[in-house]
Amino acid sequence: MKPFLTLLFFLCLNAVFASGPKHQYIKIATAQGECIIMLYNKTPQHRDNMVKLVKKGFYDGTLFHRVINAFMIQGGDPDSKNAPAGKELGNGDVGYTIPAEFRDSLFHKKGVLAAARDDNPLMASSGCQFYLVQGKKFTDAQLDSMEVKRLKFKIPQWEREIYKNIGGVPHLDKKYTVYGEIISGLPLVDTIAAVKTDPNNRPLMDVKMTVTLLKRRKARKLEKEMRKSGDSRLAFLLNQ
């Protein structure tokens, strides 16, 4: 009986450690700091494409090449690697796009990861370029005006509260796919957004990035810490 119980214990233990984290996470590291981003399971095509590129080291050495304070910081252009100073960037790609994955619960609050794109009618995303939202805080009057003049739809009350208290860029909702969110290191966005830029919004001093995928063990540990934190936002994200 004793050997059987020992075997059962190790089988249970193995099952616990074999189970993976609920989400995948990437870390963006720069000379200005770093952040960790949860990739949403509700946008699987964007999630899987990002994971694929990160595993290849695609983003390592690329720049945050377009930075607009109180709006967003954009990167992921492969042409930005070793680009000479002053060169206009933003047209590099990987030769394919990702179909739009709009979700009502995913919107442009501060700290989200979203896909850049051109003006294609299907609103398909760039296969590699992305941006992190900084945005600004809005009043009810400003949101009311935006609903009528730009959005042509009503912003749910709970989203309004976030745009009023945390900030973001609501005029991009349902136009660009949001597919992740910073869960650690949010100040990095403010730091990069504040750098001096040229007339094309490229930082005068290069902001290079290295992007890595968190290993399963680190991701499990992170999710355990998130559950223990008591932060309702993190608890909500884990259940998505």
Protein backbone atom coordinates (compact mmCIF):
# COMPACT_ATOMS: atom_id res chain seq x y z
CA MET A 1 0.00 0.00 0.00
CA LYS A 2 2.83 2.36 0.89
CA PRO A 3 4.57 2.14 -2.55
CA PHE A 4 1.19 2.72 -4.20
CA LEU A 5 0.61 5.90 -2.15
CA THR A 6 4.10 7.12 -2.96
CA LEU A 7 3.50 6.56 -6.68
CA LEU A 8 0.15 8.33 -6.47
CA PHE A 9 1.78 11.30 -4.74
CA PHE A 10 4.42 11.67 -7.45
CA LEU A 11 1.82 11.31 -10.20
CA CYS A 12 -0.23 14.12 -8.65
CA LEU A 13 2.87 16.25 -8.20
CA ASN A 14 3.86 15.69 -11.81
CA ALA A 15 0.38 16.67 -12.98
CA VAL A 16 0.61 19.95 -11.08
CA PHE A 17 3.97 20.90 -12.57
CA ALA A 18 3.03 19.64 -16.04
CA SER A 19 0.05 21.98 -16.23
CA GLY A 20 1.09 25.15 -17.97
CA PRO A 21 0.19 28.75 -17.14
CA LYS A 22 -3.17 30.08 -18.34
CA HIS A 23 -1.53 32.78 -20.49
CA GLN A 24 1.66 33.53 -22.37
CA TYR A 25 3.85 36.48 -21.40
CA ILE A 26 6.55 38.49 -23.11
CA LYS A 27 9.16 40.79 -21.59
CA ILE A 28 10.26 43.92 -23.41
CA ALA A 29 13.62 45.20 -22.16
CA THR A 30 15.18 48.54 -23.09
CA ALA A 31 17.89 50.82 -21.69
CA GLN A 32 15.01 52.84 -20.21
CA GLY A 33 13.56 49.88 -18.30
CA GLU A 34 11.41 46.84 -18.96
CA CYS A 35 7.84 45.60 -18.79
CA ILE A 36 6.00 42.28 -18.83
CA ILE A 37 2.97 41.84 -21.08
CA MET A 38 0.22 39.26 -20.87
CA LEU A 39 -0.98 38.14 -24.31
CA TYR A 40 -4.75 37.73 -24.43
CA ASN A 41 -6.22 34.32 -25.17
CA LYS A 42 -9.22 36.08 -26.71
CA THR A 43 -7.02 37.12 -29.65
CA PRO A 44 -5.32 33.80 -30.48
CA GLN A 45 -4.05 34.67 -33.96
CA HIS A 46 -2.26 37.79 -32.74
CA ARG A 47 -1.02 35.97 -29.62
CA ASP A 48 0.41 33.06 -31.58
CA ASN A 49 2.03 35.31 -34.18
CA MET A 50 3.74 37.38 -31.48
CA VAL A 51 4.99 34.24 -29.72
CA LYS A 52 6.35 32.89 -33.01
CA LEU A 53 8.27 36.08 -33.78
CA VAL A 54 9.59 36.45 -30.23
CA LYS A 55 10.90 32.88 -30.23
CA LYS A 56 12.82 33.68 -33.42
CA GLY A 57 14.39 36.75 -31.82
CA PHE A 58 12.71 38.87 -34.49
CA TYR A 59 12.35 41.97 -32.32
CA ASP A 60 15.80 41.97 -30.76
CA GLY A 61 17.60 45.13 -31.81
CA THR A 62 14.54 46.80 -33.32
CA LEU A 63 13.53 50.27 -32.18
CA PHE A 64 10.58 52.07 -30.76
CA HIS A 65 10.64 54.13 -33.92
CA ARG A 66 7.46 56.22 -33.51
CA VAL A 67 6.80 57.92 -30.20
CA ILE A 68 3.99 60.40 -29.56
CA ASN A 69 3.55 61.68 -26.02
CA ALA A 70 0.02 61.27 -24.57
CA PHE A 71 -0.72 58.78 -27.38
CA MET A 72 1.46 55.70 -27.86
CA ILE A 73 4.92 54.23 -28.51
CA GLN A 74 5.29 52.06 -31.63
CA GLY A 75 7.89 49.47 -32.58
CA GLY A 76 8.50 46.23 -34.44
CA ASP A 77 9.69 47.54 -37.81
CA PRO A 78 12.43 45.13 -39.01
CA ASP A 79 13.97 47.96 -41.03
CA SER A 80 14.74 49.80 -37.79
CA LYS A 81 17.61 47.47 -36.92
CA ASN A 82 20.82 49.49 -37.37
CA ALA A 83 18.85 52.22 -39.18
CA PRO A 84 20.93 55.41 -39.65
CA ALA A 85 19.98 58.44 -37.60
CA GLY A 86 17.17 60.48 -39.11
CA LYS A 87 15.89 57.74 -41.43
CA GLU A 88 12.10 57.64 -41.56
CA LEU A 89 10.82 54.26 -40.40
CA GLY A 90 7.52 52.42 -40.20
CA ASN A 91 7.18 50.68 -43.57
CA GLY A 92 8.94 47.41 -42.75
CA ASP A 93 6.91 44.21 -42.56
CA VAL A 94 7.02 40.42 -42.71
CA GLY A 95 5.01 39.94 -45.88
CA TYR A 96 1.69 38.98 -44.31
CA THR A 97 -1.10 40.44 -42.17
CA ILE A 98 -3.20 39.10 -39.29
CA PRO A 99 -7.02 39.22 -39.55
CA ALA A 100 -8.60 41.72 -37.16
CA GLU A 101 -9.70 40.22 -33.82
CA PHE A 102 -11.92 42.88 -32.30
CA ARG A 103 -13.46 42.02 -28.92
CA ASP A 104 -15.87 44.28 -27.04
CA SER A 105 -14.07 43.69 -23.75
CA LEU A 106 -10.65 44.62 -25.19
CA PHE A 107 -10.15 48.34 -25.63
CA HIS A 108 -7.45 51.02 -25.78
CA LYS A 109 -6.86 51.73 -22.11
CA LYS A 110 -3.41 52.81 -20.97
CA GLY A 111 -0.89 49.97 -21.00
CA VAL A 112 -2.41 47.71 -23.64
CA LEU A 113 -0.55 46.14 -26.54
CA ALA A 114 -2.16 46.64 -29.94
CA ALA A 115 -1.34 45.91 -33.56
CA ALA A 116 -0.38 48.63 -36.02
CA ARG A 117 -1.80 48.47 -39.55
CA ASP A 118 -2.14 50.36 -42.80
CA ASP A 119 -5.42 51.64 -44.27
CA ASN A 120 -6.62 48.28 -45.63
CA PRO A 121 -10.44 48.01 -45.65
CA LEU A 122 -10.51 44.79 -43.60
CA MET A 123 -8.48 46.45 -40.83
CA ALA A 124 -6.05 43.52 -40.89
CA SER A 125 -3.05 43.99 -38.62
CA SER A 126 0.61 44.28 -39.48
CA GLY A 127 2.36 40.96 -39.09
CA CYS A 128 5.00 42.51 -36.82
CA GLN A 129 4.50 46.17 -35.87
CA PHE A 130 2.79 46.97 -32.58
CA TYR A 131 2.24 49.81 -30.16
CA LEU A 132 1.84 50.30 -26.42
CA VAL A 133 -0.84 52.79 -25.39
CA GLN A 134 -0.12 55.76 -23.16
CA GLY A 135 -3.03 58.04 -24.00
CA LYS A 136 -4.58 60.52 -21.58
CA LYS A 137 -7.53 60.83 -19.20
CA PHE A 138 -10.90 62.01 -20.51
CA THR A 139 -13.92 63.74 -19.03
CA ASP A 140 -17.49 62.57 -19.56
CA ALA A 141 -18.08 65.53 -21.85
CA GLN A 142 -15.08 64.61 -23.99
CA LEU A 143 -16.21 60.99 -24.21
CA ASP A 144 -19.74 62.09 -25.12
CA SER A 145 -18.38 64.20 -27.95
CA MET A 146 -16.13 61.40 -29.18
CA GLU A 147 -19.04 58.95 -29.29
CA VAL A 148 -20.95 61.26 -31.60
CA LYS A 149 -18.18 62.63 -33.79
CA ARG A 150 -15.71 59.75 -34.13
CA LEU A 151 -16.87 56.44 -32.68
CA LYS A 152 -20.52 56.24 -33.71
CA PHE A 153 -21.16 53.86 -30.80
CA LYS A 154 -21.65 54.13 -27.04
CA ILE A 155 -18.76 53.44 -24.69
CA PRO A 156 -19.88 51.10 -21.86
CA GLN A 157 -19.95 52.76 -18.45
CA TRP A 158 -17.24 50.54 -16.97
CA GLU A 159 -14.92 51.42 -19.86
CA ARG A 160 -15.74 55.10 -19.37
CA GLU A 161 -14.54 54.88 -15.79
CA ILE A 162 -11.21 53.50 -16.95
CA TYR A 163 -10.80 56.17 -19.63
CA LYS A 164 -11.61 58.82 -17.00
CA ASN A 165 -9.36 57.49 -14.22
CA ILE A 166 -6.55 55.63 -15.99
CA GLY A 167 -6.63 56.98 -19.52
CA GLY A 168 -6.14 55.66 -23.02
CA VAL A 169 -7.05 56.38 -26.64
CA PRO A 170 -10.74 55.50 -27.12
CA HIS A 171 -10.93 56.77 -30.70
CA LEU A 172 -8.93 53.69 -31.80
CA ASP A 173 -11.44 51.19 -30.39
CA LYS A 174 -12.81 48.68 -32.92
CA LYS A 175 -10.33 49.97 -35.48
CA TYR A 176 -7.08 48.38 -34.27
CA THR A 177 -6.74 44.99 -32.58
CA VAL A 178 -5.83 45.06 -28.88
CA TYR A 179 -4.14 41.77 -27.94
CA GLY A 180 -2.22 42.15 -24.70
CA GLU A 181 -1.69 44.22 -21.58
CA ILE A 182 1.22 45.33 -19.42
CA ILE A 183 0.98 43.68 -16.01
CA SER A 184 4.34 44.88 -14.69
CA GLY A 185 6.50 47.87 -15.62
CA LEU A 186 3.86 50.30 -16.87
CA PRO A 187 6.08 53.36 -16.11
CA LEU A 188 8.27 52.30 -19.05
CA VAL A 189 5.61 53.62 -21.44
CA ASP A 190 5.66 57.07 -19.81
CA THR A 191 9.46 57.13 -19.82
CA ILE A 192 9.76 56.35 -23.53
CA ALA A 193 6.83 58.59 -24.46
CA ALA A 194 8.68 61.54 -22.91
CA VAL A 195 11.86 61.27 -25.02
CA LYS A 196 12.69 63.96 -27.56
CA THR A 197 11.79 63.11 -31.15
CA ASP A 198 12.39 64.39 -34.68
CA PRO A 199 9.65 65.68 -37.05
CA ASN A 200 8.79 62.05 -37.96
CA ASN A 201 8.26 61.18 -34.25
CA ARG A 202 11.40 59.04 -34.19
CA PRO A 203 13.37 59.37 -30.93
CA LEU A 204 16.57 61.38 -31.37
CA MET A 205 18.36 58.74 -29.29
CA ASP A 206 17.58 55.19 -30.39
CA VAL A 207 15.34 53.20 -28.04
CA LYS A 208 16.30 49.59 -28.79
CA MET A 209 14.40 46.62 -27.46
CA THR A 210 14.95 42.97 -26.65
CA VAL A 211 11.81 40.85 -26.45
CA THR A 212 11.73 37.44 -24.79
CA LEU A 213 9.06 34.88 -23.96
CA LEU A 214 8.68 33.98 -20.29
CA LYS A 215 9.44 30.31 -19.61
CA ARG A 216 6.64 28.11 -18.30
CA ARG A 217 8.03 28.03 -14.76
CA LYS A 218 8.38 31.82 -14.61
CA ALA A 219 4.91 32.29 -16.07
CA ARG A 220 3.40 29.91 -13.49
CA LYS A 221 5.20 31.73 -10.68
CA LEU A 222 4.01 35.08 -12.03
CA GLU A 223 0.39 33.94 -12.17
CA LYS A 224 0.66 32.60 -8.61
CA GLU A 225 1.92 36.00 -7.45
CA MET A 226 -0.89 37.73 -9.38
CA ARG A 227 -3.50 35.61 -7.61
CA LYS A 228 -2.00 36.40 -4.21
CA SER A 229 -1.68 40.12 -4.88
CA GLY A 230 -5.32 40.93 -4.19
CA ASP A 231 -5.32 43.21 -7.24
CA SER A 232 -8.81 42.94 -8.79
CA ARG A 233 -7.49 43.96 -12.21
CA LEU A 234 -4.99 41.11 -12.27
CA ALA A 235 -7.57 38.65 -10.99
CA PHE A 236 -9.92 39.72 -13.78
CA LEU A 237 -7.21 39.27 -16.42
CA LEU A 238 -6.34 35.79 -15.20
CA ASN A 239 -9.91 34.69 -15.71
CA GLN A 240 -10.10 35.91 -19.30
